[in-house]
Amino acid sequence: MTEDAPSCCSPSRSDSATRSNSNSNSSDGSRSENASSPSSGSKPAAETERETSGDGETATPDTSRMRRLPGGSFRMGTDSDVGFEDDGEGPAREVVVEPFAVGIHAVTNAEFYEFVRETGYTTDAERYGWSFVFEEFLPPEARGHVVGNAGGADWWVGVEGATWFRPEGPGSSVKDRLDHPVVHVSWNDANAYCEWAGTRLPTEAEWEYAARGGREGTRFPWGDDLEPGGEHRCNVWQGEFPDRDTGEDGYRGTAPVDAFEPNGYGLYNPVGNVWEWCADGFDPAYHETTAAVDPIGPEEGDARSMRGGSYLCHESWCNRYRLAARSKNTLDSSTGNIGFRCVVDVDG
């Protein structure tokens, strides 16, 4: 396991270590006017107005694929030395959350399509003109659209045209992945979807309470062993990272949102597959500074918390697929391994 920054998990648009390739051309040989280089940190060229709901009214959430959780007290975080102390994974402490309902799986491509079809919403990746893709997964058509990579994590490349509906850029499509989690969605995009759906993003405390599925003190929703009895329980990297994913768990890249057995609360893939955005601002001192009842990170700042790890996690580099692990990214950043799931408030 390395102590590298979370950019190995998911790079940020504002990461000062990124470097751009100023010679990158579009398919017709000219530089795309709508694409900001991965190192620029500039605003999207097309500052089109976002649309969310047509009438401004709050939608009635569809809770048919949600689980109502009773809330209460649970032990959050970890005191284990297996992890990243600088991420603020501990100290472990008793936390109380109010009752809420949570999606049994991450938002799918099909569900996000309905949002876009109804509202005409434009994601940050589309507005910037590019998003980060894991280089090994690039189709041949996308290789001419690489505009740079993430410093310190060269396997992440900025690709013009990479969006939620073209996850690896030109030459890719979600048509055969409608039941996979939507990716290349920023925190802004996830929040906009939630507003349209009448839901919201979970707090970190709600996320961990739900992900644990009633267990306390374990690394994973099923126990402490990543592959108990040799059985794959989540979608993470097998092989030598970052050179080759053998796909022994059945997948290279994202898996369907209901792949693998659910946790004790009936939730699928709370760890592995894709990172999931949380509502909280990220603070390494989270466990030492936030309240014990319904804690939430700081409102200020541009970093938002992510939980759960992704298909790119591997113990030799980043084992943030653990329940207590934390990471972050900026409000407008998007990659091929970040998605989200929704929650709603319920009466106690």
Protein backbone atom coordinates (compact mmCIF):
# COMPACT_ATOMS: atom_id res chain seq x y z
CA MET A 1 0.00 0.00 0.00
CA THR A 2 1.29 3.41 -0.90
CA GLU A 3 0.89 6.68 0.97
CA ASP A 4 0.27 8.60 -2.25
CA ALA A 5 -2.44 11.26 -2.41
CA PRO A 6 -6.01 10.28 -3.35
CA SER A 7 -5.35 11.27 -6.98
CA CYS A 8 -4.46 7.61 -7.49
CA CYS A 9 -8.12 6.89 -6.65
CA SER A 10 -9.68 9.64 -8.73
CA PRO A 11 -7.84 12.70 -10.06
CA SER A 12 -9.15 16.23 -9.68
CA ARG A 13 -9.55 18.92 -12.31
CA SER A 14 -7.86 21.34 -9.96
CA ASP A 15 -4.94 19.05 -9.16
CA SER A 16 -1.88 21.27 -9.60
CA ALA A 17 0.24 18.23 -10.40
CA THR A 18 -1.62 17.45 -13.63
CA ARG A 19 0.09 18.19 -16.89
CA SER A 20 -1.48 18.89 -20.24
CA ASN A 21 -0.59 17.88 -23.77
CA SER A 22 -0.91 21.08 -25.76
CA ASN A 23 -0.47 19.15 -29.00
CA SER A 24 -3.60 17.08 -28.54
CA ASN A 25 -5.90 17.46 -31.54
CA SER A 26 -9.49 16.64 -32.26
CA SER A 27 -10.49 14.15 -34.93
CA ASP A 28 -10.33 16.79 -37.67
CA GLY A 29 -6.78 17.78 -36.70
CA SER A 30 -7.72 20.96 -34.83
CA ARG A 31 -7.59 21.69 -31.12
CA SER A 32 -11.05 21.41 -29.56
CA GLU A 33 -12.31 24.86 -28.55
CA ASN A 34 -14.55 23.46 -25.83
CA ALA A 35 -11.93 21.44 -23.97
CA SER A 36 -9.97 22.85 -21.05
CA SER A 37 -6.66 21.05 -20.50
CA PRO A 38 -6.49 18.80 -17.43
CA SER A 39 -3.95 21.13 -15.85
CA SER A 40 -5.70 24.40 -16.50
CA GLY A 41 -8.30 24.32 -13.75
CA SER A 42 -10.25 26.80 -15.85
CA LYS A 43 -14.01 27.05 -16.15
CA PRO A 44 -15.81 25.25 -18.98
CA ALA A 45 -15.78 27.14 -22.24
CA ALA A 46 -19.49 26.65 -22.71
CA GLU A 47 -21.17 28.34 -19.74
CA THR A 48 -24.63 27.09 -20.64
CA GLU A 49 -27.38 27.35 -18.08
CA ARG A 50 -28.06 24.11 -16.22
CA GLU A 51 -31.59 22.79 -16.11
CA THR A 52 -32.89 20.49 -13.40
CA SER A 53 -36.68 20.49 -13.02
CA GLY A 54 -39.13 21.98 -15.42
CA ASP A 55 -41.47 23.61 -12.88
CA GLY A 56 -39.19 24.23 -9.91
CA GLU A 57 -41.31 21.97 -7.68
CA THR A 58 -39.76 19.26 -5.52
CA ALA A 59 -40.31 15.82 -7.00
CA THR A 60 -41.86 12.98 -5.04
CA PRO A 61 -39.06 10.45 -4.65
CA ASP A 62 -39.48 6.92 -5.96
CA THR A 63 -38.57 4.75 -2.98
CA SER A 64 -39.45 1.41 -4.58
CA ARG A 65 -35.77 0.53 -4.82
CA MET A 66 -34.74 1.93 -1.46
CA ARG A 67 -34.37 0.39 1.98
CA ARG A 68 -35.74 2.17 5.02
CA LEU A 69 -33.15 2.11 7.79
CA PRO A 70 -34.06 2.74 11.43
CA GLY A 71 -31.00 4.78 12.29
CA GLY A 72 -29.57 4.83 15.77
CA SER A 73 -26.09 4.49 17.23
CA PHE A 74 -23.21 2.71 15.52
CA ARG A 75 -19.43 2.67 15.70
CA MET A 76 -18.03 4.74 12.82
CA GLY A 77 -14.44 4.90 11.59
CA THR A 78 -11.50 2.74 12.58
CA ASP A 79 -8.51 2.57 14.91
CA SER A 80 -6.76 0.08 12.64
CA ASP A 81 -3.35 0.87 11.18
CA VAL A 82 -4.46 -0.71 7.90
CA GLY A 83 -5.36 2.35 5.93
CA PHE A 84 -4.52 6.02 5.56
CA GLU A 85 -4.16 7.99 8.76
CA ASP A 86 -3.89 11.27 6.88
CA ASP A 87 -7.37 10.69 5.42
CA GLY A 88 -8.89 10.91 8.87
CA GLU A 89 -10.29 7.38 9.03
CA GLY A 90 -10.37 7.53 12.83
CA PRO A 91 -10.50 7.50 15.70
CA ALA A 92 -13.45 5.13 15.82
CA ARG A 93 -16.37 6.61 17.74
CA GLU A 94 -20.05 6.19 18.51
CA VAL A 95 -22.25 8.15 16.10
CA VAL A 96 -26.02 8.51 15.90
CA VAL A 97 -27.97 8.93 12.66
CA GLU A 98 -31.68 9.60 12.23
CA PRO A 99 -33.86 7.18 10.21
CA PHE A 100 -33.52 7.46 6.43
CA ALA A 101 -34.05 5.45 3.27
CA VAL A 102 -31.20 4.62 0.93
CA GLY A 103 -30.98 3.32 -2.63
CA ILE A 104 -30.23 -0.39 -2.77
CA HIS A 105 -27.75 0.38 -5.52
CA ALA A 106 -25.92 3.26 -7.15
CA VAL A 107 -27.75 5.36 -9.74
CA THR A 108 -27.62 3.57 -13.08
CA ASN A 109 -26.96 4.81 -16.58
CA ALA A 110 -30.61 4.13 -17.39
CA GLU A 111 -31.81 6.22 -14.45
CA PHE A 112 -29.45 9.08 -15.25
CA TYR A 113 -30.64 8.96 -18.87
CA GLU A 114 -34.21 9.59 -17.72
CA PHE A 115 -33.00 12.64 -15.78
CA VAL A 116 -31.15 14.03 -18.78
CA ARG A 117 -34.00 13.22 -21.19
CA GLU A 118 -36.51 15.05 -19.03
CA THR A 119 -34.42 18.08 -18.07
CA GLY A 120 -31.83 18.52 -20.81
CA TYR A 121 -29.16 18.66 -18.12
CA THR A 122 -25.54 19.12 -19.19
CA THR A 123 -22.90 17.51 -16.98
CA ASP A 124 -19.63 19.14 -15.97
CA ALA A 125 -17.72 16.67 -18.17
CA GLU A 126 -19.73 17.83 -21.18
CA ARG A 127 -19.29 21.48 -20.27
CA TYR A 128 -15.54 21.15 -19.89
CA GLY A 129 -15.28 18.95 -22.96
CA TRP A 130 -13.24 16.20 -21.27
CA SER A 131 -13.07 13.85 -18.32
CA PHE A 132 -10.58 11.41 -16.78
CA VAL A 133 -10.45 7.81 -18.08
CA PHE A 134 -8.24 4.92 -16.95
CA GLU A 135 -5.80 4.61 -19.84
CA GLU A 136 -5.89 0.81 -20.15
CA PHE A 137 -9.59 0.98 -21.00
CA LEU A 138 -9.30 3.44 -23.89
CA PRO A 139 -10.72 2.22 -27.21
CA PRO A 140 -8.60 2.91 -30.30
CA GLU A 141 -10.92 5.74 -31.38
CA ALA A 142 -10.26 7.64 -28.15
CA ARG A 143 -6.47 7.58 -28.18
CA GLY A 144 -6.28 10.56 -30.48
CA HIS A 145 -8.41 12.56 -28.05
CA VAL A 146 -6.12 12.37 -25.02
CA VAL A 147 -5.38 15.88 -23.75
CA GLY A 148 -3.10 15.06 -20.84
CA ASN A 149 -2.76 12.97 -17.71
CA ALA A 150 -2.79 13.30 -13.96
CA GLY A 151 0.58 13.98 -12.40
CA GLY A 152 1.66 11.18 -10.09
CA ALA A 153 -0.99 8.87 -11.57
CA ASP A 154 -0.16 8.61 -15.25
CA TRP A 155 -2.74 5.86 -15.79
CA TRP A 156 -5.42 8.56 -15.59
CA VAL A 157 -5.75 10.47 -18.87
CA GLY A 158 -7.99 13.38 -19.77
CA VAL A 159 -10.04 12.42 -22.82
CA GLU A 160 -12.03 14.81 -24.97
CA GLY A 161 -15.56 13.52 -25.37
CA ALA A 162 -15.50 11.25 -22.32
CA THR A 163 -18.91 11.63 -20.67
CA TRP A 164 -21.48 9.59 -18.78
CA PHE A 165 -22.84 8.21 -22.07
CA ARG A 166 -19.37 7.63 -23.59
CA PRO A 167 -17.42 6.44 -20.53
CA GLU A 168 -14.15 5.75 -22.36
CA GLY A 169 -14.56 8.60 -24.83
CA PRO A 170 -15.12 8.31 -28.61
CA GLY A 171 -15.78 4.73 -29.64
CA SER A 172 -17.49 3.77 -26.37
CA SER A 173 -21.13 3.70 -25.29
CA VAL A 174 -23.37 2.78 -22.34
CA LYS A 175 -25.90 1.02 -24.55
CA ASP A 176 -24.81 -2.36 -23.21
CA ARG A 177 -24.23 -0.97 -19.70
CA LEU A 178 -27.57 0.55 -18.81
CA ASP A 179 -27.60 -1.40 -15.53
CA HIS A 180 -24.10 -0.23 -14.61
CA PRO A 181 -23.52 2.77 -12.33
CA VAL A 182 -23.40 6.12 -14.09
CA VAL A 183 -19.88 7.58 -14.03
CA HIS A 184 -18.22 10.81 -15.16
CA VAL A 185 -20.61 12.63 -12.85
CA SER A 186 -19.29 15.41 -10.65
CA TRP A 187 -20.64 16.26 -7.21
CA ASN A 188 -22.53 19.09 -8.91
CA ASP A 189 -24.11 16.61 -11.32
CA ALA A 190 -25.02 14.14 -8.58
CA ASN A 191 -26.60 16.90 -6.52
CA ALA A 192 -28.61 18.11 -9.53
CA TYR A 193 -29.93 14.59 -10.12
CA CYS A 194 -30.95 14.32 -6.48
CA GLU A 195 -32.82 17.63 -6.63
CA TRP A 196 -34.70 16.40 -9.69
CA ALA A 197 -35.48 13.04 -8.07
CA GLY A 198 -36.57 14.53 -4.74
CA THR A 199 -33.68 12.84 -2.96
CA ARG A 200 -30.28 13.92 -1.66
CA LEU A 201 -26.75 12.64 -1.28
CA PRO A 202 -25.99 10.77 1.96
CA THR A 203 -23.80 12.20 4.65
CA GLU A 204 -20.64 10.23 5.36
CA ALA A 205 -22.20 8.96 8.57
CA GLU A 206 -25.34 7.78 6.77
CA TRP A 207 -23.23 6.20 4.06
CA GLU A 208 -21.09 4.21 6.50
CA TYR A 209 -24.08 3.20 8.64
CA ALA A 210 -25.84 1.87 5.53
CA ALA A 211 -22.73 0.29 4.00
CA ARG A 212 -21.93 -1.65 7.17
CA GLY A 213 -25.26 -3.41 6.92
CA GLY A 214 -25.54 -3.87 10.66
CA ARG A 215 -21.93 -4.94 11.22
CA GLU A 216 -19.48 -3.00 13.36
CA GLY A 217 -15.72 -3.04 13.44
CA THR A 218 -15.20 -5.05 10.25
CA ARG A 219 -13.24 -3.90 7.22
CA PHE A 220 -15.87 -4.99 4.73
CA PRO A 221 -19.65 -5.44 4.80
CA TRP A 222 -19.16 -9.21 5.12
CA GLY A 223 -16.17 -9.41 7.49
CA ASP A 224 -12.43 -8.79 7.51
CA ASP A 225 -11.25 -10.95 4.59
CA LEU A 226 -11.46 -9.44 1.12
CA GLU A 227 -12.08 -12.83 -0.50
CA PRO A 228 -13.43 -15.20 2.18
CA GLY A 229 -12.89 -18.77 1.09
CA GLY A 230 -11.59 -17.46 -2.25
CA GLU A 231 -14.97 -15.93 -3.12
CA HIS A 232 -15.10 -12.51 -4.73
CA ARG A 233 -17.54 -10.26 -2.89
CA CYS A 234 -16.93 -6.95 -4.70
CA ASN A 235 -15.55 -5.47 -7.90
CA VAL A 236 -11.94 -4.41 -7.31
CA TRP A 237 -8.65 -4.86 -9.15
CA GLN A 238 -6.99 -8.26 -9.49
CA GLY A 239 -3.54 -8.65 -10.95
CA GLU A 240 -0.70 -6.15 -10.94
CA PHE A 241 -1.82 -2.55 -10.60
CA PRO A 242 -1.86 -0.51 -12.81
CA ASP A 243 -0.58 -2.71 -15.60
CA ARG A 244 -3.09 -5.55 -15.81
CA ASP A 245 -6.48 -6.31 -14.32
CA THR A 246 -7.09 -10.02 -14.72
CA GLY A 247 -10.80 -9.58 -14.05
CA GLU A 248 -10.96 -12.67 -11.82
CA ASP A 249 -14.05 -11.23 -10.14
CA GLY A 250 -15.79 -11.26 -13.51
CA TYR A 251 -15.31 -7.61 -14.41
CA ARG A 252 -12.79 -5.16 -15.80
CA GLY A 253 -14.19 -1.71 -15.25
CA THR A 254 -17.68 -1.23 -13.84
CA ALA A 255 -20.04 -4.08 -12.99
CA PRO A 256 -23.86 -4.06 -12.93
CA VAL A 257 -25.14 -2.24 -9.85
CA ASP A 258 -26.64 -5.44 -8.44
CA ALA A 259 -23.60 -7.64 -9.00
CA PHE A 260 -22.45 -9.69 -5.98
CA GLU A 261 -24.40 -10.42 -2.83
CA PRO A 262 -25.99 -7.48 -0.97
CA ASN A 263 -24.99 -6.51 2.56
CA GLY A 264 -27.06 -7.08 5.67
CA TYR A 265 -29.39 -4.22 4.78
CA GLY A 266 -29.91 -5.44 1.21
CA LEU A 267 -27.59 -2.85 -0.39
CA TYR A 268 -25.48 -3.79 -3.39
CA ASN A 269 -21.86 -2.83 -3.94
CA PRO A 270 -21.31 -0.38 -1.10
CA VAL A 271 -17.60 -1.12 -1.54
CA GLY A 272 -15.81 -1.51 -4.86
CA ASN A 273 -17.28 -0.84 -8.31
CA VAL A 274 -17.46 2.99 -8.09
CA TRP A 275 -16.71 5.68 -5.57
CA GLU A 276 -19.88 7.28 -4.21
CA TRP A 277 -20.24 11.00 -3.59
CA CYS A 278 -21.36 12.15 -0.15
CA ALA A 279 -22.93 15.45 0.86
CA ASP A 280 -20.12 16.40 3.24
CA GLY A 281 -17.25 18.74 2.72
CA PHE A 282 -14.03 16.78 3.28
CA ASP A 283 -11.99 17.36 6.43
CA PRO A 284 -9.19 15.04 7.64
CA ALA A 285 -10.21 15.98 11.19
CA TYR A 286 -13.80 14.85 10.59
CA HIS A 287 -13.91 12.35 13.46
CA GLU A 288 -12.46 14.86 15.89
CA THR A 289 -14.46 17.96 14.98
CA THR A 290 -17.97 16.91 13.91
CA ALA A 291 -20.97 16.25 16.15
CA ALA A 292 -21.81 12.81 17.49
CA VAL A 293 -25.41 13.09 16.28
CA ASP A 294 -25.93 13.37 12.51
CA PRO A 295 -22.37 14.59 11.89
CA ILE A 296 -21.56 16.37 8.65
CA GLY A 297 -18.35 17.82 7.29
CA PRO A 298 -17.68 21.52 6.67
CA GLU A 299 -19.81 23.45 4.19
CA GLU A 300 -16.94 25.64 3.05
CA GLY A 301 -14.24 24.55 0.64
CA ASP A 302 -14.27 22.90 -2.77
CA ALA A 303 -13.59 19.30 -1.67
CA ARG A 304 -16.40 16.81 -1.13
CA SER A 305 -16.15 13.37 0.44
CA MET A 306 -16.35 10.09 -1.44
CA ARG A 307 -16.72 6.62 0.03
CA GLY A 308 -16.52 2.97 -0.99
CA GLY A 309 -13.56 2.66 -3.33
CA SER A 310 -13.83 1.42 -6.90
CA TYR A 311 -12.90 -1.21 -9.46
CA LEU A 312 -9.40 0.29 -9.54
CA CYS A 313 -8.60 -0.35 -5.86
CA HIS A 314 -5.85 -2.86 -5.09
CA GLU A 315 -4.13 -3.59 -1.80
CA SER A 316 -0.69 -3.03 -3.33
CA TRP A 317 -1.51 0.61 -4.06
CA CYS A 318 -4.76 1.86 -2.55
CA ASN A 319 -6.94 -0.22 -0.26
CA ARG A 320 -9.64 2.41 0.09
CA TYR A 321 -12.33 -0.16 -0.64
CA ARG A 322 -12.68 -0.58 3.13
CA LEU A 323 -15.78 0.63 4.99
CA ALA A 324 -13.87 3.22 7.05
CA ALA A 325 -11.80 4.54 4.14
CA ARG A 326 -12.35 8.09 2.93
CA SER A 327 -11.35 10.08 -0.13
CA LYS A 328 -12.25 13.37 -1.74
CA ASN A 329 -12.52 15.30 -4.95
CA THR A 330 -13.59 18.75 -6.10
CA LEU A 331 -17.15 19.78 -6.89
CA ASP A 332 -16.64 19.78 -10.65
CA SER A 333 -14.32 16.77 -11.05
CA SER A 334 -15.41 13.64 -12.88
CA THR A 335 -13.78 10.32 -13.68
CA GLY A 336 -14.67 6.89 -14.96
CA ASN A 337 -14.90 5.48 -11.43
CA ILE A 338 -17.07 7.97 -9.52
CA GLY A 339 -20.83 7.57 -9.17
CA PHE A 340 -23.38 8.05 -6.40
CA ARG A 341 -26.45 6.68 -4.64
CA CYS A 342 -29.37 8.58 -3.14
CA VAL A 343 -31.08 8.82 0.22
CA VAL A 344 -34.30 10.40 1.49
CA ASP A 345 -35.43 11.51 4.92
CA VAL A 346 -38.16 9.44 6.57
CA ASP A 347 -40.23 9.83 9.70
CA GLY A 348 -38.86 8.20 12.84
